[in-house]
PDB file of N, CA and C in Angstrom:
ATOM      1  N   MET A   1      20.611 -43.733  67.539  1.00  0.00           N
ATOM      2  CA  MET A   1      19.948 -44.368  66.431  1.00  0.00           C
ATOM      3  C   MET A   1      18.751 -43.525  66.005  1.00  0.00           C
ATOM      4  N   LYS A   2      18.645 -43.249  64.739  1.00  0.00           N
ATOM      5  CA  LYS A   2      17.566 -42.439  64.186  1.00  0.00           C
ATOM      6  C   LYS A   2      16.265 -43.236  64.141  1.00  0.00           C
ATOM      7  N   SER A   3      15.189 -42.637  64.604  1.00  0.00           N
ATOM      8  CA  SER A   3      13.881 -43.280  64.597  1.00  0.00           C
ATOM      9  C   SER A   3      13.307 -43.263  63.182  1.00  0.00           C
ATOM     10  N   ASN A   4      12.540 -44.284  62.842  1.00  0.00           N
ATOM     11  CA  ASN A   4      11.836 -44.328  61.563  1.00  0.00           C
ATOM     12  C   ASN A   4      10.471 -43.665  61.639  1.00  0.00           C
ATOM     13  N   ASP A   5      10.092 -43.210  62.814  1.00  0.00           N
ATOM     14  CA  ASP A   5       8.805 -42.556  63.014  1.00  0.00           C
ATOM     15  C   ASP A   5       8.861 -41.161  62.408  1.00  0.00           C
ATOM     16  N   PRO A   6       8.000 -40.847  61.408  1.00  0.00           N
ATOM     17  CA  PRO A   6       8.057 -39.525  60.778  1.00  0.00           C
ATOM     18  C   PRO A   6       7.670 -38.384  61.712  1.00  0.00           C
ATOM     19  N   PHE A   7       7.042 -38.684  62.855  1.00  0.00           N
ATOM     20  CA  PHE A   7       6.618 -37.651  63.781  1.00  0.00           C
ATOM     21  C   PHE A   7       7.583 -37.466  64.944  1.00  0.00           C
ATOM     22  N   SER A   8       8.685 -38.207  64.968  1.00  0.00           N
ATOM     23  CA  SER A   8       9.598 -38.149  66.108  1.00  0.00           C
ATOM     24  C   SER A   8      10.340 -36.821  66.216  1.00  0.00           C
ATOM     25  N   ASP A   9      10.483 -36.088  65.118  1.00  0.00           N
ATOM     26  CA  ASP A   9      11.194 -34.815  65.142  1.00  0.00           C
ATOM     27  C   ASP A   9      10.265 -33.622  65.310  1.00  0.00           C
ATOM     28  N   LEU A  10       8.984 -33.868  65.495  1.00  0.00           N
ATOM     29  CA  LEU A  10       8.016 -32.789  65.620  1.00  0.00           C
ATOM     30  C   LEU A  10       7.841 -32.412  67.088  1.00  0.00           C
ATOM     31  N   ASN A  11       7.555 -31.135  67.316  1.00  0.00           N
ATOM     32  CA  ASN A  11       7.260 -30.646  68.658  1.00  0.00           C
ATOM     33  C   ASN A  11       5.861 -30.036  68.597  1.00  0.00           C
ATOM     34  N   LEU A  12       4.844 -30.889  68.790  1.00  0.00           N
ATOM     35  CA  LEU A  12       3.468 -30.477  68.547  1.00  0.00           C
ATOM     36  C   LEU A  12       2.719 -29.989  69.777  1.00  0.00           C
ATOM     37  N   ILE A  13       3.337 -30.065  70.959  1.00  0.00           N
ATOM     38  CA  ILE A  13       2.749 -29.502  72.166  1.00  0.00           C
ATOM     39  C   ILE A  13       3.840 -28.812  72.978  1.00  0.00           C
ATOM     40  N   ASP A  14       3.459 -27.767  73.712  1.00  0.00           N
ATOM     41  CA  ASP A  14       4.409 -27.088  74.595  1.00  0.00           C
ATOM     42  C   ASP A  14       3.633 -26.325  75.669  1.00  0.00           C
ATOM     43  N   TRP A  15       4.094 -26.442  76.934  1.00  0.00           N
ATOM     44  CA  TRP A  15       3.500 -25.723  78.062  1.00  0.00           C
ATOM     45  C   TRP A  15       4.165 -24.369  78.220  1.00  0.00           C
ATOM     46  N   SER A  16       3.376 -23.351  78.491  1.00  0.00           N
ATOM     47  CA  SER A  16       3.939 -22.039  78.807  1.00  0.00           C
ATOM     48  C   SER A  16       4.149 -21.943  80.314  1.00  0.00           C
ATOM     49  N   PRO A  17       5.010 -21.014  80.753  1.00  0.00           N
ATOM     50  CA  PRO A  17       5.143 -20.769  82.189  1.00  0.00           C
ATOM     51  C   PRO A  17       3.855 -20.249  82.826  1.00  0.00           C
ATOM     52  N   ASN A  18       2.916 -19.771  81.992  1.00  0.00           N
ATOM     53  CA  ASN A  18       1.632 -19.258  82.470  1.00  0.00           C
ATOM     54  C   ASN A  18       0.550 -20.335  82.486  1.00  0.00           C
ATOM     55  N   ASN A  19       0.956 -21.613  82.371  1.00  0.00           N
ATOM     56  CA  ASN A  19       0.056 -22.758  82.456  1.00  0.00           C
ATOM     57  C   ASN A  19      -0.919 -22.834  81.285  1.00  0.00           C
ATOM     58  N   ILE A  20      -0.422 -22.506  80.088  1.00  0.00           N
ATOM     59  CA  ILE A  20      -1.207 -22.632  78.866  1.00  0.00           C
ATOM     60  C   ILE A  20      -0.516 -23.650  77.968  1.00  0.00           C
ATOM     61  N   LEU A  21      -1.278 -24.609  77.484  1.00  0.00           N
ATOM     62  CA  LEU A  21      -0.751 -25.644  76.613  1.00  0.00           C
ATOM     63  C   LEU A  21      -1.056 -25.277  75.168  1.00  0.00           C
ATOM     64  N   ALA A  22      -0.022 -25.209  74.338  1.00  0.00           N
ATOM     65  CA  ALA A  22      -0.193 -25.013  72.900  1.00  0.00           C
ATOM     66  C   ALA A  22      -0.178 -26.392  72.251  1.00  0.00           C
ATOM     67  N   VAL A  23      -1.171 -26.643  71.393  1.00  0.00           N
ATOM     68  CA  VAL A  23      -1.302 -27.944  70.731  1.00  0.00           C
ATOM     69  C   VAL A  23      -1.455 -27.708  69.230  1.00  0.00           C
ATOM     70  N   ALA A  24      -0.594 -28.354  68.438  1.00  0.00           N
ATOM     71  CA  ALA A  24      -0.681 -28.268  66.981  1.00  0.00           C
ATOM     72  C   ALA A  24      -1.336 -29.533  66.447  1.00  0.00           C
ATOM     73  N   LEU A  25      -2.379 -29.349  65.637  1.00  0.00           N
ATOM     74  CA  LEU A  25      -3.077 -30.460  64.991  1.00  0.00           C
ATOM     75  C   LEU A  25      -3.203 -30.139  63.508  1.00  0.00           C
ATOM     76  N   ASN A  26      -2.322 -30.708  62.712  1.00  0.00           N
ATOM     77  CA  ASN A  26      -2.302 -30.532  61.264  1.00  0.00           C
ATOM     78  C   ASN A  26      -2.117 -29.059  60.879  1.00  0.00           C
ATOM     79  N   THR A  27      -3.167 -28.364  60.489  1.00  0.00           N
ATOM     80  CA  THR A  27      -3.044 -26.960  60.076  1.00  0.00           C
ATOM     81  C   THR A  27      -3.488 -25.984  61.164  1.00  0.00           C
ATOM     82  N   ASN A  28      -3.854 -26.492  62.334  1.00  0.00           N
ATOM     83  CA  ASN A  28      -4.400 -25.659  63.408  1.00  0.00           C
ATOM     84  C   ASN A  28      -3.506 -25.645  64.638  1.00  0.00           C
ATOM     85  N   VAL A  29      -3.558 -24.536  65.371  1.00  0.00           N
ATOM     86  CA  VAL A  29      -2.925 -24.445  66.680  1.00  0.00           C
ATOM     87  C   VAL A  29      -3.997 -24.007  67.671  1.00  0.00           C
ATOM     88  N   TYR A  30      -4.084 -24.740  68.784  1.00  0.00           N
ATOM     89  CA  TYR A  30      -5.050 -24.462  69.836  1.00  0.00           C
ATOM     90  C   TYR A  30      -4.311 -24.134  71.128  1.00  0.00           C
ATOM     91  N   LEU A  31      -4.942 -23.323  71.955  1.00  0.00           N
ATOM     92  CA  LEU A  31      -4.415 -23.011  73.281  1.00  0.00           C
ATOM     93  C   LEU A  31      -5.420 -23.507  74.314  1.00  0.00           C
ATOM     94  N   TRP A  32      -4.908 -24.265  75.289  1.00  0.00           N
ATOM     95  CA  TRP A  32      -5.741 -24.741  76.391  1.00  0.00           C
ATOM     96  C   TRP A  32      -5.228 -24.117  77.668  1.00  0.00           C
ATOM     97  N   ASN A  33      -6.072 -23.365  78.341  1.00  0.00           N
ATOM     98  CA  ASN A  33      -5.720 -22.739  79.607  1.00  0.00           C
ATOM     99  C   ASN A  33      -6.035 -23.730  80.719  1.00  0.00           C
ATOM    100  N   ALA A  34      -4.987 -24.264  81.360  1.00  0.00           N
ATOM    101  CA  ALA A  34      -5.174 -25.281  82.398  1.00  0.00           C
ATOM    102  C   ALA A  34      -5.857 -24.708  83.635  1.00  0.00           C
ATOM    103  N   GLY A  35      -5.748 -23.410  83.859  1.00  0.00           N
ATOM    104  CA  GLY A  35      -6.375 -22.791  85.017  1.00  0.00           C
ATOM    105  C   GLY A  35      -7.875 -22.643  84.877  1.00  0.00           C
ATOM    106  N   THR A  36      -8.335 -22.329  83.670  1.00  0.00           N
ATOM    107  CA  THR A  36      -9.762 -22.090  83.449  1.00  0.00           C
ATOM    108  C   THR A  36     -10.438 -23.211  82.676  1.00  0.00           C
ATOM    109  N   GLY A  37      -9.655 -24.033  81.985  1.00  0.00           N
ATOM    110  CA  GLY A  37     -10.212 -25.089  81.153  1.00  0.00           C
ATOM    111  C   GLY A  37     -10.663 -24.611  79.788  1.00  0.00           C
ATOM    112  N   SER A  38     -10.458 -23.339  79.468  1.00  0.00           N
ATOM    113  CA  SER A  38     -10.918 -22.804  78.185  1.00  0.00           C
ATOM    114  C   SER A  38      -9.973 -23.208  77.055  1.00  0.00           C
ATOM    115  N   ILE A  39     -10.551 -23.353  75.864  1.00  0.00           N
ATOM    116  CA  ILE A  39      -9.796 -23.694  74.658  1.00  0.00           C
ATOM    117  C   ILE A  39     -10.035 -22.602  73.630  1.00  0.00           C
ATOM    118  N   GLN A  40      -8.945 -22.134  73.007  1.00  0.00           N
ATOM    119  CA  GLN A  40      -9.022 -21.097  71.977  1.00  0.00           C
ATOM    120  C   GLN A  40      -8.279 -21.581  70.745  1.00  0.00           C
ATOM    121  N   GLN A  41      -8.906 -21.474  69.576  1.00  0.00           N
ATOM    122  CA  GLN A  41      -8.187 -21.761  68.338  1.00  0.00           C
ATOM    123  C   GLN A  41      -7.354 -20.533  68.008  1.00  0.00           C
ATOM    124  N   LEU A  42      -6.044 -20.704  67.963  1.00  0.00           N
ATOM    125  CA  LEU A  42      -5.139 -19.586  67.737  1.00  0.00           C
ATOM    126  C   LEU A  42      -5.019 -19.258  66.263  1.00  0.00           C
ATOM    127  N   LEU A  43      -4.785 -20.265  65.426  1.00  0.00           N
ATOM    128  CA  LEU A  43      -4.621 -19.996  64.004  1.00  0.00           C
ATOM    129  C   LEU A  43      -4.894 -21.238  63.186  1.00  0.00           C
ATOM    130  N   THR A  44      -5.171 -21.015  61.903  1.00  0.00           N
ATOM    131  CA  THR A  44      -5.317 -22.073  60.908  1.00  0.00           C
ATOM    132  C   THR A  44      -4.484 -21.682  59.706  1.00  0.00           C
ATOM    133  N   LEU A  45      -3.605 -22.573  59.268  1.00  0.00           N
ATOM    134  CA  LEU A  45      -2.788 -22.312  58.097  1.00  0.00           C
ATOM    135  C   LEU A  45      -3.600 -22.532  56.831  1.00  0.00           C
ATOM    136  N   GLU A  46      -3.271 -21.779  55.804  1.00  0.00           N
ATOM    137  CA  GLU A  46      -3.949 -21.881  54.509  1.00  0.00           C
ATOM    138  C   GLU A  46      -3.155 -22.798  53.579  1.00  0.00           C
ATOM    139  N   GLY A  47      -3.826 -23.359  52.591  1.00  0.00           N
ATOM    140  CA  GLY A  47      -3.165 -24.149  51.556  1.00  0.00           C
ATOM    141  C   GLY A  47      -2.696 -25.505  52.044  1.00  0.00           C
ATOM    142  N   ILE A  48      -1.535 -25.939  51.515  1.00  0.00           N
ATOM    143  CA  ILE A  48      -1.043 -27.285  51.806  1.00  0.00           C
ATOM    144  C   ILE A  48      -0.070 -27.329  52.972  1.00  0.00           C
ATOM    145  N   ASP A  49       0.238 -26.210  53.599  1.00  0.00           N
ATOM    146  CA  ASP A  49       1.183 -26.157  54.709  1.00  0.00           C
ATOM    147  C   ASP A  49       0.556 -26.750  55.975  1.00  0.00           C
ATOM    148  N   SER A  50       1.397 -27.233  56.888  1.00  0.00           N
ATOM    149  CA  SER A  50       0.923 -27.735  58.175  1.00  0.00           C
ATOM    150  C   SER A  50       1.917 -27.356  59.263  1.00  0.00           C
ATOM    151  N   VAL A  51       1.469 -27.388  60.498  1.00  0.00           N
ATOM    152  CA  VAL A  51       2.300 -27.011  61.643  1.00  0.00           C
ATOM    153  C   VAL A  51       3.193 -28.192  62.008  1.00  0.00           C
ATOM    154  N   CYS A  52       4.485 -27.927  62.214  1.00  0.00           N
ATOM    155  CA  CYS A  52       5.408 -28.990  62.619  1.00  0.00           C
ATOM    156  C   CYS A  52       6.053 -28.712  63.969  1.00  0.00           C
ATOM    157  N   SER A  53       5.839 -27.500  64.537  1.00  0.00           N
ATOM    158  CA  SER A  53       6.473 -27.188  65.810  1.00  0.00           C
ATOM    159  C   SER A  53       5.788 -26.001  66.477  1.00  0.00           C
ATOM    160  N   VAL A  54       5.662 -26.096  67.808  1.00  0.00           N
ATOM    161  CA  VAL A  54       5.234 -24.963  68.619  1.00  0.00           C
ATOM    162  C   VAL A  54       6.185 -24.854  69.806  1.00  0.00           C
ATOM    163  N   SER A  55       6.513 -23.622  70.193  1.00  0.00           N
ATOM    164  CA  SER A  55       7.428 -23.440  71.323  1.00  0.00           C
ATOM    165  C   SER A  55       7.209 -22.073  71.967  1.00  0.00           C
ATOM    166  N   TRP A  56       6.992 -22.067  73.292  1.00  0.00           N
ATOM    167  CA  TRP A  56       6.866 -20.834  74.068  1.00  0.00           C
ATOM    168  C   TRP A  56       8.251 -20.326  74.445  1.00  0.00           C
ATOM    169  N   ILE A  57       8.421 -19.005  74.541  1.00  0.00           N
ATOM    170  CA  ILE A  57       9.631 -18.479  75.143  1.00  0.00           C
ATOM    171  C   ILE A  57       9.471 -18.552  76.658  1.00  0.00           C
ATOM    172  N   GLN A  58      10.541 -18.369  77.399  1.00  0.00           N
ATOM    173  CA  GLN A  58      10.510 -18.549  78.851  1.00  0.00           C
ATOM    174  C   GLN A  58       9.522 -17.620  79.550  1.00  0.00           C
ATOM    175  N   GLN A  59       9.341 -16.403  79.060  1.00  0.00           N
ATOM    176  CA  GLN A  59       8.419 -15.481  79.709  1.00  0.00           C
ATOM    177  C   GLN A  59       6.962 -15.867  79.455  1.00  0.00           C
ATOM    178  N   GLY A  60       6.696 -16.655  78.423  1.00  0.00           N
ATOM    179  CA  GLY A  60       5.380 -17.227  78.221  1.00  0.00           C
ATOM    180  C   GLY A  60       4.373 -16.425  77.432  1.00  0.00           C
ATOM    181  N   HIS A  61       4.700 -15.253  76.923  1.00  0.00           N
ATOM    182  CA  HIS A  61       3.726 -14.477  76.152  1.00  0.00           C
ATOM    183  C   HIS A  61       3.931 -14.599  74.650  1.00  0.00           C
ATOM    184  N   TYR A  62       5.041 -15.176  74.225  1.00  0.00           N
ATOM    185  CA  TYR A  62       5.312 -15.354  72.804  1.00  0.00           C
ATOM    186  C   TYR A  62       5.367 -16.837  72.478  1.00  0.00           C
ATOM    187  N   LEU A  63       4.656 -17.226  71.412  1.00  0.00           N
ATOM    188  CA  LEU A  63       4.639 -18.600  70.938  1.00  0.00           C
ATOM    189  C   LEU A  63       5.133 -18.611  69.500  1.00  0.00           C
ATOM    190  N   ALA A  64       6.169 -19.402  69.232  1.00  0.00           N
ATOM    191  CA  ALA A  64       6.654 -19.586  67.872  1.00  0.00           C
ATOM    192  C   ALA A  64       5.966 -20.800  67.273  1.00  0.00           C
ATOM    193  N   VAL A  65       5.489 -20.644  66.043  1.00  0.00           N
ATOM    194  CA  VAL A  65       4.810 -21.726  65.329  1.00  0.00           C
ATOM    195  C   VAL A  65       5.576 -21.955  64.032  1.00  0.00           C
ATOM    196  N   GLY A  66       6.205 -23.128  63.910  1.00  0.00           N
ATOM    197  CA  GLY A  66       6.948 -23.478  62.704  1.00  0.00           C
ATOM    198  C   GLY A  66       6.102 -24.321  61.779  1.00  0.00           C
ATOM    199  N   THR A  67       6.288 -24.134  60.465  1.00  0.00           N
ATOM    200  CA  THR A  67       5.507 -24.882  59.489  1.00  0.00           C
ATOM    201  C   THR A  67       6.415 -25.767  58.637  1.00  0.00           C
ATOM    202  N   ASN A  68       5.796 -26.733  57.973  1.00  0.00           N
ATOM    203  CA  ASN A  68       6.538 -27.644  57.101  1.00  0.00           C
ATOM    204  C   ASN A  68       7.139 -26.944  55.890  1.00  0.00           C
ATOM    205  N   MET A  69       6.625 -25.772  55.534  1.00  0.00           N
ATOM    206  CA  MET A  69       7.163 -25.021  54.399  1.00  0.00           C
ATOM    207  C   MET A  69       8.272 -24.066  54.827  1.00  0.00           C
ATOM    208  N   GLY A  70       8.686 -24.136  56.089  1.00  0.00           N
ATOM    209  CA  GLY A  70       9.821 -23.355  56.556  1.00  0.00           C
ATOM    210  C   GLY A  70       9.490 -21.973  57.099  1.00  0.00           C
ATOM    211  N   LEU A  71       8.236 -21.665  57.282  1.00  0.00           N
ATOM    212  CA  LEU A  71       7.856 -20.367  57.838  1.00  0.00           C
ATOM    213  C   LEU A  71       7.754 -20.457  59.357  1.00  0.00           C
ATOM    214  N   VAL A  72       7.976 -19.331  60.012  1.00  0.00           N
ATOM    215  CA  VAL A  72       7.795 -19.240  61.459  1.00  0.00           C
ATOM    216  C   VAL A  72       6.860 -18.071  61.726  1.00  0.00           C
ATOM    217  N   GLN A  73       5.796 -18.332  62.464  1.00  0.00           N
ATOM    218  CA  GLN A  73       4.902 -17.266  62.913  1.00  0.00           C
ATOM    219  C   GLN A  73       5.138 -17.088  64.398  1.00  0.00           C
ATOM    220  N   VAL A  74       5.326 -15.838  64.808  1.00  0.00           N
ATOM    221  CA  VAL A  74       5.505 -15.531  66.218  1.00  0.00           C
ATOM    222  C   VAL A  74       4.221 -14.875  66.697  1.00  0.00           C
ATOM    223  N   CYS A  75       3.598 -15.486  67.683  1.00  0.00           N
ATOM    224  CA  CYS A  75       2.317 -15.017  68.195  1.00  0.00           C
ATOM    225  C   CYS A  75       2.518 -14.415  69.574  1.00  0.00           C
ATOM    226  N   TYR A  76       2.060 -13.188  69.769  1.00  0.00           N
ATOM    227  CA  TYR A  76       2.065 -12.547  71.078  1.00  0.00           C
ATOM    228  C   TYR A  76       0.707 -12.808  71.705  1.00  0.00           C
ATOM    229  N   ILE A  77       0.698 -13.491  72.833  1.00  0.00           N
ATOM    230  CA  ILE A  77      -0.541 -13.916  73.468  1.00  0.00           C
ATOM    231  C   ILE A  77      -0.759 -13.107  74.742  1.00  0.00           C
ATOM    232  N   THR A  78      -1.893 -12.406  74.802  1.00  0.00           N
ATOM    233  CA  THR A  78      -2.322 -11.762  76.038  1.00  0.00           C
ATOM    234  C   THR A  78      -3.663 -12.382  76.413  1.00  0.00           C
ATOM    235  N   TYR A  79      -4.296 -11.880  77.412  1.00  0.00           N
ATOM    236  CA  TYR A  79      -5.540 -12.486  77.886  1.00  0.00           C
ATOM    237  C   TYR A  79      -6.629 -12.528  76.822  1.00  0.00           C
ATOM    238  N   LEU A  80      -6.823 -11.458  76.078  1.00  0.00           N
ATOM    239  CA  LEU A  80      -7.922 -11.412  75.113  1.00  0.00           C
ATOM    240  C   LEU A  80      -7.468 -11.083  73.699  1.00  0.00           C
ATOM    241  N   GLN A  81      -6.178 -11.066  73.449  1.00  0.00           N
ATOM    242  CA  GLN A  81      -5.696 -10.566  72.175  1.00  0.00           C
ATOM    243  C   GLN A  81      -4.546 -11.425  71.678  1.00  0.00           C
ATOM    244  N   THR A  82      -4.494 -11.630  70.367  1.00  0.00           N
ATOM    245  CA  THR A  82      -3.397 -12.345  69.727  1.00  0.00           C
ATOM    246  C   THR A  82      -2.892 -11.502  68.572  1.00  0.00           C
ATOM    247  N   MET A  83      -1.596 -11.348  68.473  1.00  0.00           N
ATOM    248  CA  MET A  83      -0.988 -10.609  67.379  1.00  0.00           C
ATOM    249  C   MET A  83      -0.012 -11.542  66.691  1.00  0.00           C
ATOM    250  N   LEU A  84      -0.096 -11.684  65.344  1.00  0.00           N
ATOM    251  CA  LEU A  84       0.748 -12.609  64.596  1.00  0.00           C
ATOM    252  C   LEU A  84       1.759 -11.852  63.755  1.00  0.00           C
ATOM    253  N   SER A  85       2.959 -12.402  63.660  1.00  0.00           N
ATOM    254  CA  SER A  85       3.978 -11.920  62.746  1.00  0.00           C
ATOM    255  C   SER A  85       4.554 -13.129  62.042  1.00  0.00           C
ATOM    256  N   THR A  86       4.767 -13.030  60.731  1.00  0.00           N
ATOM    257  CA  THR A  86       5.389 -14.114  59.968  1.00  0.00           C
ATOM    258  C   THR A  86       6.814 -13.717  59.654  1.00  0.00           C
ATOM    259  N   LEU A  87       7.738 -14.612  59.966  1.00  0.00           N
ATOM    260  CA  LEU A  87       9.149 -14.365  59.693  1.00  0.00           C
ATOM    261  C   LEU A  87       9.575 -15.136  58.470  1.00  0.00           C
TER     262      LEU A  87
END
């Protein structure tokens, strides 16, 4: 049975194998390092677009960020550096 909840199909949080939680809040994506307790703002979308999905790959250094406008940004996460690509 299909849910009537508009947020039921969204994937707004995801844990990496490296113990980092990615959290999507509207136009922002944040990373919380469970080991250190630090929080980093990864990205902010421009305009009317918003984040509808975040997902780590199994190795844990790449995070895919899907938007409501159909774009996917792939973020390479290292200790002090983030590199973004838009697909």
